[in-house]
Amino acid sequence: MSKAILFVDRDGTLCKEPHDFKVDALDKILLVENVIPSLLRIKNAGFSFVTVTDQDGLGTASYPRQGFGICQNFLVELFRSQGISFETV
């Protein structure tokens, strides 16, 4: 049996894209309007979720991995608290 999976881009789809295009601090996280109820409807339609994200400059001095990890973990836990889990990133 096949499984329905929705691949979701993180920045600009789950959370708003900040002015510098780097979600590297918790105060830069702002969810896209209605994203949680929308994902719950999709989940109830039988879909699983995978997050995809392309982080230009990740691991450089201007975008350390630590900032990305803190924000990514926060978002994963936030969505999980609302009944939305991602199979992988």
N, C-alpha and C. Protein backbone atom coordinates (compact mmCIF):
# COMPACT_ATOMS: atom_id res chain seq x y z
N MET A 1 0.84 -1.18 0.00
CA MET A 1 0.00 0.00 0.00
C MET A 1 0.89 1.25 0.00
N SER A 2 0.59 2.19 -0.84
CA SER A 2 1.38 3.42 -0.90
C SER A 2 0.93 4.39 0.19
N LYS A 3 1.83 5.29 0.50
CA LYS A 3 1.60 6.25 1.58
C LYS A 3 1.62 7.65 0.98
N ALA A 4 0.67 8.48 1.35
CA ALA A 4 0.62 9.86 0.88
C ALA A 4 1.52 10.72 1.75
N ILE A 5 2.49 11.37 1.13
CA ILE A 5 3.44 12.22 1.85
C ILE A 5 3.43 13.61 1.22
N LEU A 6 3.34 14.61 2.04
CA LEU A 6 3.45 15.99 1.58
C LEU A 6 4.82 16.51 1.98
N PHE A 7 5.60 16.94 0.99
CA PHE A 7 6.90 17.55 1.24
C PHE A 7 6.66 19.05 1.39
N VAL A 8 7.03 19.58 2.55
CA VAL A 8 6.72 20.97 2.89
C VAL A 8 8.01 21.75 3.09
N ASP A 9 8.17 22.84 2.34
CA ASP A 9 9.30 23.74 2.56
C ASP A 9 9.06 24.48 3.87
N ARG A 10 10.09 24.62 4.66
CA ARG A 10 9.94 25.25 5.97
C ARG A 10 9.76 26.76 5.85
N ASP A 11 10.77 27.46 5.36
CA ASP A 11 10.76 28.92 5.34
C ASP A 11 9.90 29.42 4.19
N GLY A 12 8.92 30.24 4.55
CA GLY A 12 8.00 30.78 3.57
C GLY A 12 6.72 29.96 3.43
N THR A 13 6.71 28.75 4.00
CA THR A 13 5.53 27.89 3.94
C THR A 13 5.02 27.58 5.34
N LEU A 14 5.92 27.15 6.22
CA LEU A 14 5.54 26.91 7.62
C LEU A 14 5.74 28.17 8.45
N CYS A 15 6.88 28.80 8.28
CA CYS A 15 7.15 30.06 8.98
C CYS A 15 7.51 31.12 7.95
N LYS A 16 7.25 32.36 8.32
CA LYS A 16 7.53 33.46 7.40
C LYS A 16 9.03 33.63 7.21
N GLU A 17 9.39 34.02 6.01
CA GLU A 17 10.80 34.25 5.66
C GLU A 17 11.22 35.60 6.25
N PRO A 18 12.24 35.63 7.12
CA PRO A 18 12.68 36.91 7.68
C PRO A 18 13.41 37.75 6.62
N HIS A 19 13.62 39.01 6.94
CA HIS A 19 14.22 39.94 5.98
C HIS A 19 15.60 39.50 5.51
N ASP A 20 16.34 38.79 6.36
CA ASP A 20 17.69 38.36 5.97
C ASP A 20 17.72 36.91 5.47
N PHE A 21 16.53 36.31 5.34
CA PHE A 21 16.38 34.95 4.81
C PHE A 21 17.00 33.87 5.69
N LYS A 22 17.24 34.16 6.95
CA LYS A 22 17.85 33.19 7.86
C LYS A 22 17.02 33.08 9.13
N VAL A 23 16.41 31.93 9.35
CA VAL A 23 15.69 31.67 10.59
C VAL A 23 16.73 31.08 11.53
N ASP A 24 17.48 31.96 12.17
CA ASP A 24 18.60 31.54 13.01
C ASP A 24 18.49 32.00 14.46
N ALA A 25 17.32 32.51 14.83
CA ALA A 25 17.06 32.94 16.21
C ALA A 25 15.56 32.79 16.47
N LEU A 26 15.23 32.43 17.70
CA LEU A 26 13.83 32.18 18.03
C LEU A 26 12.95 33.39 17.78
N ASP A 27 13.48 34.59 17.97
CA ASP A 27 12.65 35.79 17.76
C ASP A 27 12.37 36.06 16.29
N LYS A 28 12.93 35.28 15.39
CA LYS A 28 12.64 35.41 13.96
C LYS A 28 11.55 34.45 13.50
N ILE A 29 11.08 33.59 14.40
CA ILE A 29 10.07 32.60 14.01
C ILE A 29 8.68 33.23 14.12
N LEU A 30 8.01 33.26 13.00
CA LEU A 30 6.62 33.70 12.93
C LEU A 30 5.92 32.76 11.96
N LEU A 31 4.94 32.03 12.47
CA LEU A 31 4.26 31.06 11.62
C LEU A 31 3.44 31.75 10.54
N VAL A 32 3.34 31.09 9.40
CA VAL A 32 2.46 31.55 8.33
C VAL A 32 1.02 31.43 8.84
N GLU A 33 0.20 32.41 8.54
CA GLU A 33 -1.18 32.43 9.00
C GLU A 33 -1.92 31.15 8.58
N ASN A 34 -2.63 30.57 9.51
CA ASN A 34 -3.46 29.37 9.31
C ASN A 34 -2.69 28.10 8.97
N VAL A 35 -1.38 28.09 9.18
CA VAL A 35 -0.60 26.91 8.81
C VAL A 35 -0.98 25.69 9.64
N ILE A 36 -1.23 25.85 10.92
CA ILE A 36 -1.56 24.70 11.76
C ILE A 36 -2.92 24.11 11.38
N PRO A 37 -3.99 24.89 11.29
CA PRO A 37 -5.26 24.28 10.88
C PRO A 37 -5.19 23.68 9.47
N SER A 38 -4.43 24.30 8.60
CA SER A 38 -4.30 23.76 7.24
C SER A 38 -3.60 22.41 7.24
N LEU A 39 -2.50 22.30 8.00
CA LEU A 39 -1.79 21.03 8.07
C LEU A 39 -2.63 19.96 8.76
N LEU A 40 -3.43 20.33 9.74
CA LEU A 40 -4.30 19.36 10.39
C LEU A 40 -5.34 18.82 9.42
N ARG A 41 -5.88 19.67 8.55
CA ARG A 41 -6.83 19.20 7.53
C ARG A 41 -6.15 18.22 6.57
N ILE A 42 -4.92 18.56 6.18
CA ILE A 42 -4.17 17.68 5.27
C ILE A 42 -3.86 16.36 5.97
N LYS A 43 -3.47 16.42 7.23
CA LYS A 43 -3.20 15.21 8.00
C LYS A 43 -4.45 14.34 8.08
N ASN A 44 -5.59 14.97 8.34
CA ASN A 44 -6.85 14.23 8.44
C ASN A 44 -7.28 13.62 7.10
N ALA A 45 -6.72 14.13 6.02
CA ALA A 45 -6.98 13.56 4.69
C ALA A 45 -6.06 12.38 4.41
N GLY A 46 -5.19 12.04 5.37
CA GLY A 46 -4.36 10.86 5.24
C GLY A 46 -2.91 11.07 4.88
N PHE A 47 -2.45 12.31 4.91
CA PHE A 47 -1.07 12.60 4.54
C PHE A 47 -0.13 12.57 5.74
N SER A 48 1.11 12.18 5.48
CA SER A 48 2.22 12.34 6.40
C SER A 48 3.05 13.51 5.89
N PHE A 49 3.94 14.03 6.73
CA PHE A 49 4.71 15.21 6.36
C PHE A 49 6.21 14.99 6.43
N VAL A 50 6.90 15.59 5.48
CA VAL A 50 8.36 15.66 5.48
C VAL A 50 8.70 17.13 5.25
N THR A 51 9.59 17.67 6.07
CA THR A 51 10.04 19.05 5.89
C THR A 51 11.27 19.06 5.00
N VAL A 52 11.29 19.97 4.06
CA VAL A 52 12.48 20.21 3.25
C VAL A 52 12.89 21.66 3.46
N THR A 53 14.18 21.90 3.44
CA THR A 53 14.65 23.27 3.64
C THR A 53 16.02 23.42 3.02
N ASP A 54 16.21 24.50 2.34
CA ASP A 54 17.52 24.81 1.76
C ASP A 54 18.02 26.08 2.43
N GLN A 55 19.08 25.93 3.18
CA GLN A 55 19.60 27.03 3.98
C GLN A 55 20.91 27.50 3.38
N ASP A 56 20.85 28.54 2.58
CA ASP A 56 22.04 29.10 1.95
C ASP A 56 23.01 29.60 3.02
N GLY A 57 24.21 29.11 2.98
CA GLY A 57 25.24 29.57 3.92
C GLY A 57 25.26 28.84 5.24
N LEU A 58 24.43 27.80 5.40
CA LEU A 58 24.40 27.07 6.66
C LEU A 58 25.78 26.51 6.97
N GLY A 59 26.22 26.73 8.20
CA GLY A 59 27.52 26.25 8.64
C GLY A 59 28.63 27.26 8.45
N THR A 60 28.29 28.44 7.95
CA THR A 60 29.28 29.50 7.80
C THR A 60 29.23 30.41 9.02
N ALA A 61 30.18 31.33 9.09
CA ALA A 61 30.22 32.28 10.22
C ALA A 61 28.94 33.11 10.30
N SER A 62 28.34 33.43 9.15
CA SER A 62 27.14 34.25 9.17
C SER A 62 25.87 33.45 9.44
N TYR A 63 25.96 32.11 9.40
CA TYR A 63 24.79 31.27 9.66
C TYR A 63 25.24 29.96 10.31
N PRO A 64 25.64 30.03 11.58
CA PRO A 64 26.12 28.83 12.27
C PRO A 64 25.04 27.76 12.41
N ARG A 65 25.46 26.51 12.40
CA ARG A 65 24.52 25.38 12.53
C ARG A 65 23.76 25.42 13.85
N GLN A 66 24.36 25.94 14.89
CA GLN A 66 23.71 25.97 16.19
C GLN A 66 22.40 26.77 16.13
N GLY A 67 22.43 27.94 15.52
CA GLY A 67 21.22 28.76 15.40
C GLY A 67 20.13 28.05 14.61
N PHE A 68 20.52 27.39 13.54
CA PHE A 68 19.57 26.62 12.75
C PHE A 68 18.96 25.51 13.59
N GLY A 69 19.80 24.77 14.30
CA GLY A 69 19.31 23.64 15.09
C GLY A 69 18.35 24.05 16.18
N ILE A 70 18.64 25.13 16.86
CA ILE A 70 17.75 25.62 17.91
C ILE A 70 16.38 25.95 17.34
N CYS A 71 16.37 26.66 16.23
CA CYS A 71 15.10 27.05 15.59
C CYS A 71 14.37 25.84 15.02
N GLN A 72 15.10 24.95 14.38
CA GLN A 72 14.49 23.76 13.79
C GLN A 72 13.85 22.90 14.87
N ASN A 73 14.56 22.67 15.96
CA ASN A 73 14.01 21.86 17.05
C ASN A 73 12.79 22.52 17.68
N PHE A 74 12.83 23.85 17.83
CA PHE A 74 11.68 24.57 18.37
C PHE A 74 10.46 24.38 17.47
N LEU A 75 10.65 24.54 16.16
CA LEU A 75 9.53 24.39 15.22
C LEU A 75 8.97 22.97 15.23
N VAL A 76 9.84 21.98 15.24
CA VAL A 76 9.39 20.58 15.27
C VAL A 76 8.54 20.34 16.52
N GLU A 77 9.01 20.81 17.66
CA GLU A 77 8.26 20.62 18.91
C GLU A 77 6.97 21.42 18.94
N LEU A 78 6.99 22.62 18.39
CA LEU A 78 5.78 23.44 18.33
C LEU A 78 4.70 22.73 17.52
N PHE A 79 5.07 22.25 16.32
CA PHE A 79 4.09 21.56 15.50
C PHE A 79 3.65 20.26 16.16
N ARG A 80 4.57 19.53 16.78
CA ARG A 80 4.21 18.28 17.47
C ARG A 80 3.18 18.56 18.57
N SER A 81 3.34 19.67 19.27
CA SER A 81 2.40 20.01 20.35
C SER A 81 0.99 20.26 19.82
N GLN A 82 0.89 20.51 18.52
CA GLN A 82 -0.40 20.77 17.90
C GLN A 82 -0.91 19.55 17.12
N GLY A 83 -0.22 18.42 17.26
CA GLY A 83 -0.66 17.19 16.60
C GLY A 83 -0.09 16.97 15.22
N ILE A 84 0.94 17.73 14.87
CA ILE A 84 1.54 17.63 13.54
C ILE A 84 2.99 17.18 13.71
N SER A 85 3.31 16.04 13.13
CA SER A 85 4.68 15.56 13.22
C SER A 85 5.24 15.39 11.81
N PHE A 86 6.55 15.51 11.74
CA PHE A 86 7.27 15.37 10.47
C PHE A 86 8.09 14.10 10.54
N GLU A 87 7.97 13.28 9.51
CA GLU A 87 8.69 12.01 9.50
C GLU A 87 10.20 12.20 9.43
N THR A 88 10.62 13.23 8.75
CA THR A 88 12.05 13.55 8.65
C THR A 88 12.20 14.97 8.11
N VAL A 89 13.41 15.44 8.19
CA VAL A 89 13.75 16.76 7.64
C VAL A 89 14.81 16.54 6.59
